[in-house]
Protein backbone atom coordinates (compact mmCIF):
# COMPACT_ATOMS: atom_id res chain seq x y z
CA UNK A 1 1.13 -16.30 227.26
CA UNK A 2 -0.53 -18.55 225.31
CA UNK A 3 -1.72 -20.90 228.33
CA UNK A 4 -3.37 -18.38 230.15
CA UNK A 5 -5.46 -17.67 227.10
CA UNK A 6 -5.95 -21.00 226.13
CA UNK A 7 -8.12 -21.35 229.85
CA UNK A 8 -10.32 -18.11 229.15
CA UNK A 9 -13.26 -19.53 228.54
CA UNK A 10 -14.86 -19.64 224.71
CA UNK A 11 -18.42 -19.96 223.73
CA UNK A 12 -18.91 -21.44 220.36
CA UNK A 13 -21.53 -19.63 218.28
CA UNK A 14 -22.00 -22.11 215.94
CA UNK A 15 -22.59 -25.79 215.95
CA UNK A 16 -25.43 -27.90 215.08
CA UNK A 17 -27.32 -31.37 215.30
CA UNK A 18 -27.73 -34.04 213.14
CA UNK A 19 -31.49 -34.66 214.07
CA UNK A 20 -32.06 -38.06 215.03
CA UNK A 21 -35.08 -40.09 214.08
CA UNK A 22 -36.63 -39.96 217.63
CA UNK A 23 -38.23 -36.61 216.72
CA UNK A 24 -40.73 -38.26 214.48
CA UNK A 25 -41.32 -41.17 216.19
CA UNK A 26 -41.37 -39.67 219.86
CA UNK A 27 -41.81 -36.54 219.59
CA UNK A 28 -44.55 -36.55 217.38
CA UNK A 29 -48.26 -37.48 218.97
CA UNK A 30 -49.93 -40.55 217.49
CA UNK A 31 -52.74 -38.20 216.69
CA UNK A 32 -50.69 -36.16 214.49
CA UNK A 33 -48.03 -39.03 213.13
CA UNK A 34 -50.44 -39.19 209.70
CA UNK A 35 -50.60 -35.47 209.08
CA UNK A 36 -46.15 -35.29 209.50
CA UNK A 37 -45.58 -38.50 207.57
CA UNK A 38 -46.20 -37.11 203.89
CA UNK A 39 -45.13 -33.18 204.99
CA UNK A 40 -41.82 -34.50 206.40
CA UNK A 41 -40.31 -37.69 207.25
CA UNK A 42 -36.86 -39.29 208.24
CA UNK A 43 -36.13 -42.60 208.87
CA UNK A 44 -32.85 -44.65 208.39
CA UNK A 45 -32.59 -48.08 208.02
CA UNK A 46 -29.45 -50.44 207.38
CA UNK A 47 -26.22 -50.37 205.99
CA UNK A 48 -26.81 -46.35 206.20
CA UNK A 49 -29.87 -46.41 204.12
CA UNK A 50 -32.33 -43.76 204.99
CA UNK A 51 -35.46 -41.76 203.45
CA UNK A 52 -36.18 -38.30 203.96
CA UNK A 53 -39.86 -37.30 202.62
CA UNK A 54 -41.20 -33.84 202.24
CA UNK A 55 -44.84 -32.73 200.50
CA UNK A 56 -45.68 -36.16 199.88
CA UNK A 57 -41.74 -37.03 197.65
CA UNK A 58 -38.97 -39.12 198.68
CA UNK A 59 -35.96 -36.08 198.25
CA UNK A 60 -32.26 -37.06 197.83
CA UNK A 61 -29.90 -36.68 200.98
CA UNK A 62 -28.15 -34.19 201.79
CA UNK A 63 -25.03 -36.27 201.77
CA UNK A 64 -24.19 -37.50 198.88
CA UNK A 65 -21.46 -40.30 199.73
CA UNK A 66 -21.80 -42.79 202.27
CA UNK A 67 -19.48 -40.06 204.46
CA UNK A 68 -21.98 -38.40 206.68
CA UNK A 69 -20.20 -34.61 206.26
CA UNK A 70 -22.91 -33.41 209.19
CA UNK A 71 -21.90 -35.32 211.58
CA UNK A 72 -18.49 -36.84 211.28
CA UNK A 73 -15.79 -34.54 212.92
CA UNK A 74 -14.04 -34.86 216.48
CA UNK A 75 -11.73 -33.01 218.54
CA UNK A 76 -8.49 -33.64 216.76
CA UNK A 77 -9.39 -33.96 213.01
CA UNK A 78 -7.97 -31.62 210.65
CA UNK A 79 -8.81 -31.01 207.15
CA UNK A 80 -6.25 -33.86 205.93
CA UNK A 81 -7.29 -36.17 208.80
CA UNK A 82 -11.02 -35.57 207.14
CA UNK A 83 -9.93 -35.59 203.77
CA UNK A 84 -8.42 -38.59 203.77
CA UNK A 85 -11.39 -40.91 204.75
CA UNK A 86 -12.70 -42.93 202.00
CA UNK A 87 -16.10 -41.12 200.87
CA UNK A 88 -17.14 -45.09 199.81
CA UNK A 89 -16.87 -46.43 203.37
CA UNK A 90 -19.73 -45.44 205.72
CA UNK A 91 -18.13 -44.26 209.11
CA UNK A 92 -19.15 -43.73 212.32
CA UNK A 93 -21.11 -40.51 213.13
CA UNK A 94 -19.89 -38.78 215.89
CA UNK A 95 -22.48 -39.34 218.82
CA UNK A 96 -21.81 -35.60 220.03
CA UNK A 97 -24.46 -34.66 216.96
CA UNK A 98 -27.35 -35.62 218.94
CA UNK A 99 -26.45 -36.99 222.37
CA UNK A 100 -25.77 -34.83 225.15
CA UNK A 101 -23.53 -36.43 227.66
CA UNK A 102 -21.05 -37.18 224.28
CA UNK A 103 -21.49 -33.33 223.23
CA UNK A 104 -20.19 -32.32 226.42
CA UNK A 105 -17.02 -34.66 226.10
CA UNK A 106 -16.28 -33.37 223.07
CA UNK A 107 -17.14 -29.43 224.48
CA UNK A 108 -14.57 -30.00 227.09
CA UNK A 109 -12.10 -31.69 224.95
CA UNK A 110 -12.61 -28.49 222.65
CA UNK A 111 -12.55 -25.93 225.97
CA UNK A 112 -15.83 -24.83 225.35
CA UNK A 113 -18.06 -23.89 228.04
CA UNK A 114 -21.39 -23.44 226.16
CA UNK A 115 -22.82 -23.75 222.66
CA UNK A 116 -25.38 -22.14 220.37
CA UNK A 117 -27.31 -25.66 218.76
CA UNK A 118 -29.00 -25.00 215.28
CA UNK A 119 -30.95 -27.91 213.19
CA UNK A 120 -29.47 -29.37 210.09
CA UNK A 121 -32.63 -31.37 208.90
CA UNK A 122 -34.98 -28.79 210.00
CA UNK A 123 -33.14 -25.88 208.59
CA UNK A 124 -32.90 -27.66 205.27
CA UNK A 125 -36.61 -29.13 204.76
CA UNK A 126 -39.46 -27.79 207.77
CA UNK A 127 -39.18 -24.62 205.38
CA UNK A 128 -40.42 -25.77 202.85
CA UNK A 129 -42.90 -27.59 204.17
CA UNK A 130 -46.07 -26.87 202.13
CA UNK A 131 -49.09 -27.66 204.93
CA UNK A 132 -48.89 -24.75 207.88
CA UNK A 133 -50.37 -27.35 210.36
CA UNK A 134 -47.85 -30.30 209.77
CA UNK A 135 -44.81 -26.90 210.35
CA UNK A 136 -46.46 -26.43 213.47
CA UNK A 137 -46.34 -29.74 214.86
CA UNK A 138 -42.79 -30.28 212.97
CA UNK A 139 -41.47 -27.40 214.75
CA UNK A 140 -43.21 -28.29 218.53
CA UNK A 141 -41.47 -31.84 218.28
CA UNK A 142 -37.83 -30.24 216.71
CA UNK A 143 -38.36 -27.59 219.73
CA UNK A 144 -39.26 -30.22 222.28
CA UNK A 145 -36.41 -32.61 221.53
CA UNK A 146 -33.92 -30.06 221.06
CA UNK A 147 -34.68 -28.50 224.74
CA UNK A 148 -34.64 -32.17 226.29
CA UNK A 149 -31.11 -32.23 224.76
CA UNK A 150 -30.63 -28.60 226.28
CA UNK A 151 -31.45 -30.03 229.77
CA UNK A 152 -29.01 -33.17 229.87
CA UNK A 153 -26.84 -30.71 228.78
CA UNK A 154 -25.87 -29.30 232.42
CA UNK A 155 -26.65 -25.66 231.08
CA UNK A 156 -23.92 -25.36 228.27
CA UNK A 157 -26.19 -26.05 225.37
CA UNK A 158 -27.74 -23.37 223.83
CA UNK A 159 -30.67 -23.90 221.42
CA UNK A 160 -32.10 -21.81 218.65
CA UNK A 161 -36.05 -22.82 218.35
CA UNK A 162 -37.30 -23.69 214.59
CA UNK A 163 -40.16 -21.42 214.09
CA UNK A 164 -43.25 -23.00 211.47
CA UNK A 165 -43.55 -19.84 209.36
CA UNK A 166 -45.95 -21.10 206.95
CA UNK A 167 -48.16 -20.17 210.01
CA UNK A 168 -48.39 -17.03 211.51
CA UNK A 169 -50.23 -17.39 214.80
CA UNK A 170 -48.47 -21.06 215.09
CA UNK A 171 -45.08 -19.06 214.80
CA UNK A 172 -45.89 -16.75 217.30
CA UNK A 173 -47.73 -19.37 219.87
CA UNK A 174 -44.03 -21.17 219.40
CA UNK A 175 -42.06 -17.77 220.09
CA UNK A 176 -44.22 -17.85 223.63
CA UNK A 177 -43.94 -21.49 224.55
CA UNK A 178 -39.79 -21.72 223.81
CA UNK A 179 -39.66 -18.32 225.80
CA UNK A 180 -41.64 -19.83 228.70
CA UNK A 181 -39.12 -22.85 228.72
CA UNK A 182 -36.15 -20.72 228.48
CA UNK A 183 -35.10 -20.76 225.23
CA UNK A 184 -32.69 -17.66 224.35
CA UNK A 185 -33.11 -18.05 220.60
CA UNK A 186 -34.53 -18.69 217.40
CA UNK A 187 -33.54 -19.53 214.07
CA UNK A 188 -34.66 -18.19 210.62
CA UNK A 189 -33.66 -19.82 207.38
CA UNK A 190 -33.15 -16.84 205.07
CA UNK A 191 -35.12 -18.57 202.57
CA UNK A 192 -38.29 -18.10 200.75
CA UNK A 193 -41.35 -19.71 202.58
CA UNK A 194 -44.34 -20.24 200.63
CA UNK A 195 -43.17 -16.66 198.48
CA UNK A 196 -42.31 -14.87 201.48
CA UNK A 197 -38.34 -13.15 202.02
CA UNK A 198 -37.71 -12.61 205.61
CA UNK A 199 -39.03 -8.88 205.10
CA UNK A 200 -41.99 -9.60 203.94
CA UNK A 201 -44.52 -7.51 205.89
CA UNK A 202 -46.66 -10.73 206.76
CA UNK A 203 -44.03 -11.62 209.35
CA UNK A 204 -43.85 -8.05 211.31
CA UNK A 205 -45.79 -9.77 213.91
CA UNK A 206 -43.31 -12.47 214.54
CA UNK A 207 -40.23 -9.91 214.38
CA UNK A 208 -42.37 -8.29 217.01
CA UNK A 209 -42.77 -10.88 219.01
CA UNK A 210 -39.31 -11.81 219.02
CA UNK A 211 -37.90 -8.46 219.76
CA UNK A 212 -40.69 -8.45 222.83
CA UNK A 213 -39.31 -11.68 224.68
CA UNK A 214 -35.83 -11.07 224.32
CA UNK A 215 -35.03 -14.05 221.52
CA UNK A 216 -31.97 -13.91 219.80
CA UNK A 217 -33.46 -13.84 215.91
CA UNK A 218 -30.88 -16.47 214.68
CA UNK A 219 -30.50 -15.78 210.95
CA UNK A 220 -28.69 -19.24 209.78
CA UNK A 221 -28.65 -20.91 206.30
CA UNK A 222 -29.59 -23.93 204.67
CA UNK A 223 -27.38 -24.89 201.52
CA UNK A 224 -30.79 -25.65 200.20
CA UNK A 225 -29.00 -28.06 197.71
CA UNK A 226 -32.68 -30.42 197.90
CA UNK A 227 -35.26 -27.88 198.11
CA UNK A 228 -37.53 -26.69 195.28
CA UNK A 229 -35.80 -23.41 193.07
CA UNK A 230 -36.82 -20.07 193.89
CA UNK A 231 -36.65 -21.08 197.61
CA UNK A 232 -32.50 -19.69 198.15
CA UNK A 233 -29.58 -19.61 196.29
CA UNK A 234 -28.43 -23.19 196.34
CA UNK A 235 -31.26 -24.85 193.90
CA UNK A 236 -30.00 -22.67 191.18
CA UNK A 237 -26.16 -22.98 192.52
CA UNK A 238 -26.90 -26.49 192.21
CA UNK A 239 -28.22 -26.65 188.74
CA UNK A 240 -25.83 -24.44 187.14
CA UNK A 241 -22.95 -26.85 189.09
CA UNK A 242 -24.42 -30.27 187.60
CA UNK A 243 -23.47 -29.08 183.95
CA UNK A 244 -19.89 -28.70 184.84
CA UNK A 245 -19.18 -32.11 185.62
CA UNK A 246 -18.06 -31.42 189.72
CA UNK A 247 -19.50 -34.82 190.84
CA UNK A 248 -20.39 -33.32 193.78
CA UNK A 249 -22.75 -29.99 196.03
CA UNK A 250 -21.43 -26.56 195.64
CA UNK A 251 -24.13 -25.00 197.33
CA UNK A 252 -23.11 -24.84 200.18
CA UNK A 253 -20.22 -23.19 200.24
CA UNK A 254 -21.87 -20.60 197.92
CA UNK A 255 -25.75 -20.37 198.94
CA UNK A 256 -25.57 -19.57 202.21
CA UNK A 257 -23.07 -16.43 201.80
CA UNK A 258 -25.73 -15.10 199.32
CA UNK A 259 -28.75 -15.97 201.36
CA UNK A 260 -27.41 -13.83 204.20
CA UNK A 261 -26.09 -10.95 202.07
CA UNK A 262 -29.82 -11.00 200.97
CA UNK A 263 -31.15 -10.85 204.43
CA UNK A 264 -29.04 -7.76 205.42
CA UNK A 265 -29.56 -5.80 202.46
CA UNK A 266 -33.84 -6.69 202.50
CA UNK A 267 -34.05 -6.12 205.93
CA UNK A 268 -32.00 -2.71 205.07
CA UNK A 269 -33.90 -1.63 203.08
CA UNK A 270 -37.45 -2.48 205.15
CA UNK A 271 -35.99 -0.57 207.61
CA UNK A 272 -36.50 -3.84 210.49
CA UNK A 273 -33.33 -2.66 212.67
CA UNK A 274 -35.21 0.98 212.66
CA UNK A 275 -38.66 -0.35 213.20
CA UNK A 276 -37.54 -2.85 215.90
CA UNK A 277 -34.77 -0.97 218.48
CA UNK A 278 -34.56 -3.86 220.56
CA UNK A 279 -34.41 -6.68 218.27
CA UNK A 280 -31.46 -8.61 219.05
CA UNK A 281 -29.72 -10.28 216.05
CA UNK A 282 -27.46 -12.94 215.16
CA UNK A 283 -26.02 -14.23 211.37
CA UNK A 284 -24.30 -17.74 211.66
CA UNK A 285 -23.42 -20.40 209.25
CA UNK A 286 -22.09 -18.45 206.78
CA UNK A 287 -18.55 -16.77 208.18
CA UNK A 288 -18.51 -13.09 208.62
CA UNK A 289 -16.11 -11.76 206.21
CA UNK A 290 -19.26 -11.28 203.76
CA UNK A 291 -20.38 -8.66 206.43
CA UNK A 292 -18.59 -5.32 205.58
CA UNK A 293 -19.14 -5.57 201.90
CA UNK A 294 -23.16 -6.37 202.78
CA UNK A 295 -23.17 -3.51 204.74
CA UNK A 296 -21.17 -1.41 202.22
CA UNK A 297 -23.40 -2.32 199.24
CA UNK A 298 -26.58 -1.20 200.96
CA UNK A 299 -25.33 2.30 201.85
CA UNK A 300 -24.67 3.21 198.58
CA UNK A 301 -28.07 1.49 197.29
CA UNK A 302 -29.93 3.41 200.22
CA UNK A 303 -28.06 6.67 199.38
CA UNK A 304 -28.68 5.86 195.50
CA UNK A 305 -32.43 5.38 195.52
CA UNK A 306 -35.02 7.84 196.18
CA UNK A 307 -36.45 8.01 199.73
CA UNK A 308 -39.36 5.76 199.99
CA UNK A 309 -42.31 5.38 202.66
CA UNK A 310 -40.46 3.58 205.24
CA UNK A 311 -37.93 5.27 207.17
CA UNK A 312 -34.42 4.03 206.80
CA UNK A 313 -31.38 4.50 208.19
CA UNK A 314 -28.68 5.64 205.27
CA UNK A 315 -25.43 4.97 207.54
CA UNK A 316 -26.37 1.00 208.21
CA UNK A 317 -23.39 0.08 209.76
CA UNK A 318 -24.66 1.89 212.63
CA UNK A 319 -26.73 -0.74 212.82
CA UNK A 320 -25.05 -3.81 211.50
CA UNK A 321 -22.04 -3.60 213.86
CA UNK A 322 -23.02 -2.18 216.75
CA UNK A 323 -23.64 -4.02 219.94
CA UNK A 324 -27.35 -6.10 220.15
CA UNK A 325 -26.07 -7.78 216.96
CA UNK A 326 -23.48 -10.58 216.07
CA UNK A 327 -22.01 -12.60 213.14
CA UNK A 328 -20.49 -16.03 213.57
CA UNK A 329 -16.76 -15.68 212.05
CA UNK A 330 -14.37 -19.01 211.50
CA UNK A 331 -11.35 -19.90 212.37
CA UNK A 332 -9.44 -19.62 209.24
CA UNK A 333 -11.01 -16.04 208.35
CA UNK A 334 -8.43 -13.96 208.37
CA UNK A 335 -9.84 -11.46 207.29
CA UNK A 336 -11.92 -11.21 210.74
CA UNK A 337 -8.36 -10.53 212.60
CA UNK A 338 -6.74 -7.78 209.75
CA UNK A 339 -10.89 -6.07 210.36
CA UNK A 340 -10.92 -6.17 213.97
CA UNK A 341 -11.85 -2.51 214.37
CA UNK A 342 -14.70 -3.11 212.34
CA UNK A 343 -16.19 -6.36 214.16
CA UNK A 344 -15.15 -5.07 217.62
CA UNK A 345 -18.83 -5.36 219.14
CA UNK A 346 -19.96 -8.52 216.41
CA UNK A 347 -17.77 -11.20 215.44
CA UNK A 348 -18.56 -14.60 217.63
CA UNK A 349 -16.35 -17.12 217.25
CA UNK A 350 -18.24 -20.35 215.89
CA UNK A 351 -16.95 -24.16 215.55
CA UNK A 352 -19.33 -25.36 212.80
CA UNK A 353 -19.01 -28.67 214.90
CA UNK A 354 -19.55 -31.32 214.26
CA UNK A 355 -19.58 -31.29 210.43
CA UNK A 356 -16.75 -32.31 208.49
CA UNK A 357 -15.13 -28.21 208.36
CA UNK A 358 -15.44 -27.61 211.74
CA UNK A 359 -12.40 -25.83 213.21
CA UNK A 360 -10.94 -25.97 217.27
CA UNK A 361 -11.05 -22.78 219.49
CA UNK A 362 -7.19 -23.13 219.24
CA UNK A 363 -7.21 -22.45 215.60
CA UNK A 364 -9.50 -19.38 215.92
CA UNK A 365 -7.19 -18.05 218.52
CA UNK A 366 -4.17 -18.59 216.41
CA UNK A 367 -5.31 -16.93 213.69
CA UNK A 368 -6.40 -13.74 215.70
CA UNK A 369 -2.49 -13.97 217.55
CA UNK A 370 -1.33 -14.21 213.92
CA UNK A 371 -3.52 -10.86 212.74
CA UNK A 372 -2.27 -9.20 215.67
CA UNK A 373 -5.48 -8.98 217.12
CA UNK A 374 -5.09 -7.27 221.02
CA UNK A 375 -5.84 -10.16 223.61
CA UNK A 376 -8.56 -8.47 225.49
CA UNK A 377 -10.60 -8.08 222.19
CA UNK A 378 -9.67 -11.45 221.16
CA UNK A 379 -11.28 -12.81 224.00
CA UNK A 380 -14.38 -10.77 223.35
CA UNK A 381 -14.75 -12.31 219.64
CA UNK A 382 -14.37 -15.89 221.69
CA UNK A 383 -16.53 -15.38 224.23
CA UNK A 384 -17.80 -11.97 225.54
CA UNK A 385 -19.33 -11.29 222.63
CA UNK A 386 -21.48 -13.67 222.35
CA UNK A 387 -22.12 -13.62 226.01
CA UNK A 388 -23.87 -10.19 225.77
CA UNK A 389 -25.82 -11.12 222.65
CA UNK A 390 -26.94 -14.34 224.57
CA UNK A 391 -27.27 -12.82 228.01
CA UNK A 392 -25.06 -15.92 229.11
CA UNK A 393 -22.62 -16.28 232.21
CA UNK A 394 -19.14 -15.38 230.62
């Protein structure tokens, strides 16, 4: 039985890239180079050195040690093998983090048919770029690069485009451009961009365009460890944690969950899913166990607060836990298995490849079997729900 199930297809709804410097050198035109050099620039040098410039200032690396935790995991790694590595010794990054051929070899080893692909550096830094014109250029450069990665991926890599929300006209133009290019998804980081969260009325044309084009709106957080405070939960978490002498970043384990819960609450209060019934929405990068709690709290306060001018559903679970939505779960989240009835339509397996905390499909299947999820439903979690949401062959 286990062998038969292992042979079934897997769609990974949560993977990422470690962006190469060629995005800035090869995908930004010479006339636009000066515009982006101060807005958001990333380069790497000898002995593992790197420089990231955002809004004219150097920002610290996302990594606090020599080990690149965003590109270090390979098939066969375990938490124990990752934890045994010396953080002071630079390790060799997994080329699958940026190279299609290497990535496909890893997918074959893992038994993954297709992968939804998200950014890393662009998720962290693009939302805080101050120049709207530079944000448009940078978004186009990343999308061109990841589109080329997907083109080399034999139809198995499904990238989420980034959007320059600093410029509404630029974001709308980019939605139309990537939709014509065959993209199936666009990423929205749950953070404040120039003081506006995702529910802000100025973003209404963006939500409408996503619904009309059929692109899946993928809410995908970043730790925010390097960002200014009040952009997301991460900077506040790090400011508090620095007084505890922990010695490493902690926002990655707290901030993404808080940012995604904030998204559910704000969109529920402002009636986004009611306003855009054709919108397809996916939450990835923060696990899934938090979703029932966020939906429950949304329902509680929607019933308690006086009715406002915006018509909203008082039963948000009917909107957030139904077909047309998705949430990527991690292999170790046993609550997904125990609450499989609740997650029946929305649970999507996510590996976190190639980050240090990645897990294989085999680990996820073992968890689903251990928690008594029926085989047919488990296969929906491992592939079927993602295939339906992203309109992929299953």
